[in-house]
């Protein structure tokens, strides 16, 4: 797990805390913090991009891992 070529980057200003990314992540690596903003765990993310695809406000973008 982890070590994906791309990781999700969350724009906290756009995130509305709907939880769609949490529900659809097949690896369960996205949680909502106390401010109801998406926070991915890169130790488990496989870089599939489903979270970015299901985000209704496009707050998640897949970026090359640094």
N, C-alpha and C. Protein backbone atom coordinates (compact mmCIF):
# COMPACT_ATOMS: atom_id res chain seq x y z
N UNK A 1 0.83 -1.19 0.00
CA UNK A 1 0.00 0.00 0.00
C UNK A 1 0.87 1.24 0.00
N UNK A 2 0.28 2.35 -0.38
CA UNK A 2 1.03 3.59 -0.43
C UNK A 2 2.01 3.61 -1.58
N UNK A 3 2.78 4.66 -1.68
CA UNK A 3 3.81 4.75 -2.70
C UNK A 3 3.29 5.00 -4.11
N UNK A 4 2.09 5.53 -4.25
CA UNK A 4 1.50 5.78 -5.56
C UNK A 4 2.29 6.85 -6.32
N UNK A 5 2.22 6.78 -7.64
CA UNK A 5 2.87 7.79 -8.47
C UNK A 5 2.18 9.14 -8.35
N UNK A 6 0.87 9.11 -8.12
CA UNK A 6 0.10 10.34 -7.92
C UNK A 6 -0.64 10.26 -6.59
N UNK A 7 -0.77 11.40 -5.96
CA UNK A 7 -1.50 11.49 -4.70
C UNK A 7 -2.56 12.58 -4.80
N UNK A 8 -3.65 12.41 -4.04
CA UNK A 8 -4.68 13.44 -4.04
C UNK A 8 -4.25 14.67 -3.24
N UNK A 9 -4.48 15.83 -3.82
CA UNK A 9 -4.24 17.09 -3.13
C UNK A 9 -5.59 17.75 -2.94
N UNK A 10 -5.92 18.07 -1.70
CA UNK A 10 -7.22 18.64 -1.37
C UNK A 10 -7.10 20.15 -1.24
N UNK A 11 -7.95 20.87 -1.97
CA UNK A 11 -8.07 22.31 -1.82
C UNK A 11 -9.06 22.55 -0.69
N UNK A 12 -8.55 22.85 0.49
CA UNK A 12 -9.40 22.98 1.67
C UNK A 12 -10.40 24.14 1.54
N UNK A 13 -10.10 25.11 0.71
CA UNK A 13 -11.02 26.21 0.49
C UNK A 13 -12.24 25.80 -0.31
N UNK A 14 -12.08 24.78 -1.15
CA UNK A 14 -13.19 24.29 -1.98
C UNK A 14 -13.95 23.16 -1.31
N UNK A 15 -13.27 22.36 -0.47
CA UNK A 15 -13.88 21.17 0.14
C UNK A 15 -15.11 21.57 0.97
N UNK A 16 -16.24 20.90 0.70
CA UNK A 16 -17.48 21.19 1.42
C UNK A 16 -17.81 20.13 2.47
N UNK A 17 -16.92 19.16 2.64
CA UNK A 17 -17.12 18.14 3.67
C UNK A 17 -18.26 17.19 3.41
N UNK A 18 -18.56 16.93 2.14
CA UNK A 18 -19.69 16.07 1.80
C UNK A 18 -19.43 14.60 2.10
N UNK A 19 -18.15 14.20 2.12
CA UNK A 19 -17.78 12.83 2.44
C UNK A 19 -17.83 11.86 1.27
N UNK A 20 -18.08 12.34 0.06
CA UNK A 20 -18.13 11.44 -1.09
C UNK A 20 -16.78 10.74 -1.30
N UNK A 21 -15.70 11.45 -1.10
CA UNK A 21 -14.37 10.84 -1.25
C UNK A 21 -14.16 9.74 -0.22
N UNK A 22 -14.64 9.97 0.99
CA UNK A 22 -14.51 8.98 2.07
C UNK A 22 -15.29 7.73 1.71
N UNK A 23 -16.51 7.90 1.25
CA UNK A 23 -17.38 6.78 0.91
C UNK A 23 -16.82 5.95 -0.25
N UNK A 24 -16.27 6.61 -1.26
CA UNK A 24 -15.86 5.92 -2.48
C UNK A 24 -14.41 5.44 -2.50
N UNK A 25 -13.60 5.87 -1.57
CA UNK A 25 -12.19 5.44 -1.56
C UNK A 25 -12.12 3.94 -1.26
N UNK A 26 -11.62 3.14 -2.23
CA UNK A 26 -11.57 1.69 -2.02
C UNK A 26 -10.57 1.26 -0.95
N UNK A 27 -9.64 2.14 -0.61
CA UNK A 27 -8.62 1.80 0.38
C UNK A 27 -8.91 2.42 1.75
N UNK A 28 -9.99 3.21 1.84
CA UNK A 28 -10.36 3.81 3.13
C UNK A 28 -9.30 4.75 3.67
N UNK A 29 -8.60 5.44 2.79
CA UNK A 29 -7.49 6.26 3.26
C UNK A 29 -7.82 7.76 3.33
N UNK A 30 -9.10 8.11 3.19
CA UNK A 30 -9.48 9.51 3.34
C UNK A 30 -10.46 9.63 4.50
N UNK A 31 -10.19 10.58 5.36
CA UNK A 31 -11.05 10.86 6.51
C UNK A 31 -11.42 12.34 6.48
N UNK A 32 -12.45 12.70 7.20
CA UNK A 32 -12.78 14.11 7.39
C UNK A 32 -12.25 14.54 8.74
N UNK A 33 -11.57 15.69 8.79
CA UNK A 33 -11.04 16.18 10.05
C UNK A 33 -12.14 16.90 10.83
N UNK A 34 -11.79 17.50 11.94
CA UNK A 34 -12.79 18.15 12.80
C UNK A 34 -13.46 19.34 12.13
N UNK A 35 -12.82 19.88 11.09
CA UNK A 35 -13.40 20.98 10.32
C UNK A 35 -14.20 20.48 9.13
N UNK A 36 -14.39 19.15 9.05
CA UNK A 36 -15.12 18.50 7.95
C UNK A 36 -14.44 18.72 6.60
N UNK A 37 -13.12 18.63 6.60
CA UNK A 37 -12.34 18.75 5.38
C UNK A 37 -11.64 17.41 5.13
N UNK A 38 -11.54 17.02 3.86
CA UNK A 38 -10.93 15.75 3.50
C UNK A 38 -9.42 15.76 3.76
N UNK A 39 -8.95 14.67 4.35
CA UNK A 39 -7.53 14.50 4.63
C UNK A 39 -7.11 13.09 4.21
N UNK A 40 -6.34 12.98 3.12
CA UNK A 40 -5.88 11.67 2.68
C UNK A 40 -4.68 11.18 3.49
N UNK A 41 -4.58 9.86 3.64
CA UNK A 41 -3.44 9.24 4.30
C UNK A 41 -2.57 8.63 3.19
N UNK A 42 -1.46 9.27 2.88
CA UNK A 42 -0.62 8.85 1.77
C UNK A 42 0.09 7.52 2.03
N UNK A 43 0.13 7.06 3.27
CA UNK A 43 0.74 5.77 3.56
C UNK A 43 -0.08 4.63 2.97
N UNK A 44 -1.36 4.86 2.71
CA UNK A 44 -2.25 3.81 2.20
C UNK A 44 -2.82 4.10 0.82
N UNK A 45 -2.70 5.32 0.35
CA UNK A 45 -3.26 5.71 -0.95
C UNK A 45 -2.52 5.00 -2.08
N UNK A 46 -3.30 4.43 -3.00
CA UNK A 46 -2.73 3.75 -4.17
C UNK A 46 -2.82 4.60 -5.43
N UNK A 47 -3.34 5.83 -5.29
CA UNK A 47 -3.35 6.76 -6.41
C UNK A 47 -4.38 6.48 -7.49
N UNK A 48 -5.48 5.83 -7.15
CA UNK A 48 -6.47 5.45 -8.16
C UNK A 48 -7.23 6.66 -8.72
N UNK A 49 -7.37 7.74 -7.94
CA UNK A 49 -8.03 8.94 -8.41
C UNK A 49 -9.54 8.95 -8.30
N UNK A 50 -10.12 7.92 -7.71
CA UNK A 50 -11.58 7.88 -7.56
C UNK A 50 -12.06 9.07 -6.73
N UNK A 51 -11.33 9.43 -5.70
CA UNK A 51 -11.73 10.56 -4.85
C UNK A 51 -11.87 11.84 -5.67
N UNK A 52 -10.93 12.08 -6.58
CA UNK A 52 -10.98 13.27 -7.42
C UNK A 52 -12.16 13.21 -8.39
N UNK A 53 -12.46 12.02 -8.88
CA UNK A 53 -13.56 11.87 -9.84
C UNK A 53 -14.93 12.08 -9.20
N UNK A 54 -15.09 11.67 -7.94
CA UNK A 54 -16.41 11.76 -7.30
C UNK A 54 -16.63 13.09 -6.57
N UNK A 55 -15.61 13.90 -6.42
CA UNK A 55 -15.76 15.16 -5.69
C UNK A 55 -16.67 16.11 -6.48
N UNK A 56 -17.82 16.48 -5.90
CA UNK A 56 -18.77 17.31 -6.64
C UNK A 56 -18.31 18.75 -6.88
N UNK A 57 -17.36 19.22 -6.10
CA UNK A 57 -16.88 20.60 -6.25
C UNK A 57 -15.44 20.66 -6.79
N UNK A 58 -14.92 19.51 -7.20
CA UNK A 58 -13.57 19.41 -7.78
C UNK A 58 -12.51 19.97 -6.84
N UNK A 59 -12.64 19.64 -5.55
CA UNK A 59 -11.67 20.11 -4.55
C UNK A 59 -10.45 19.21 -4.47
N UNK A 60 -10.50 18.07 -5.16
CA UNK A 60 -9.38 17.12 -5.11
C UNK A 60 -8.78 16.99 -6.51
N UNK A 61 -7.48 17.16 -6.58
CA UNK A 61 -6.73 16.98 -7.82
C UNK A 61 -5.65 15.96 -7.57
N UNK A 62 -5.37 15.14 -8.57
CA UNK A 62 -4.28 14.18 -8.45
C UNK A 62 -3.00 14.85 -8.93
N UNK A 63 -1.97 14.80 -8.09
CA UNK A 63 -0.69 15.42 -8.42
C UNK A 63 0.43 14.39 -8.32
N UNK A 64 1.47 14.61 -9.09
CA UNK A 64 2.63 13.75 -9.04
C UNK A 64 3.19 13.73 -7.62
N UNK A 65 3.57 12.55 -7.18
CA UNK A 65 4.15 12.41 -5.84
C UNK A 65 5.52 13.07 -5.82
N UNK A 66 5.79 13.76 -4.73
CA UNK A 66 7.08 14.45 -4.58
C UNK A 66 8.00 13.67 -3.69
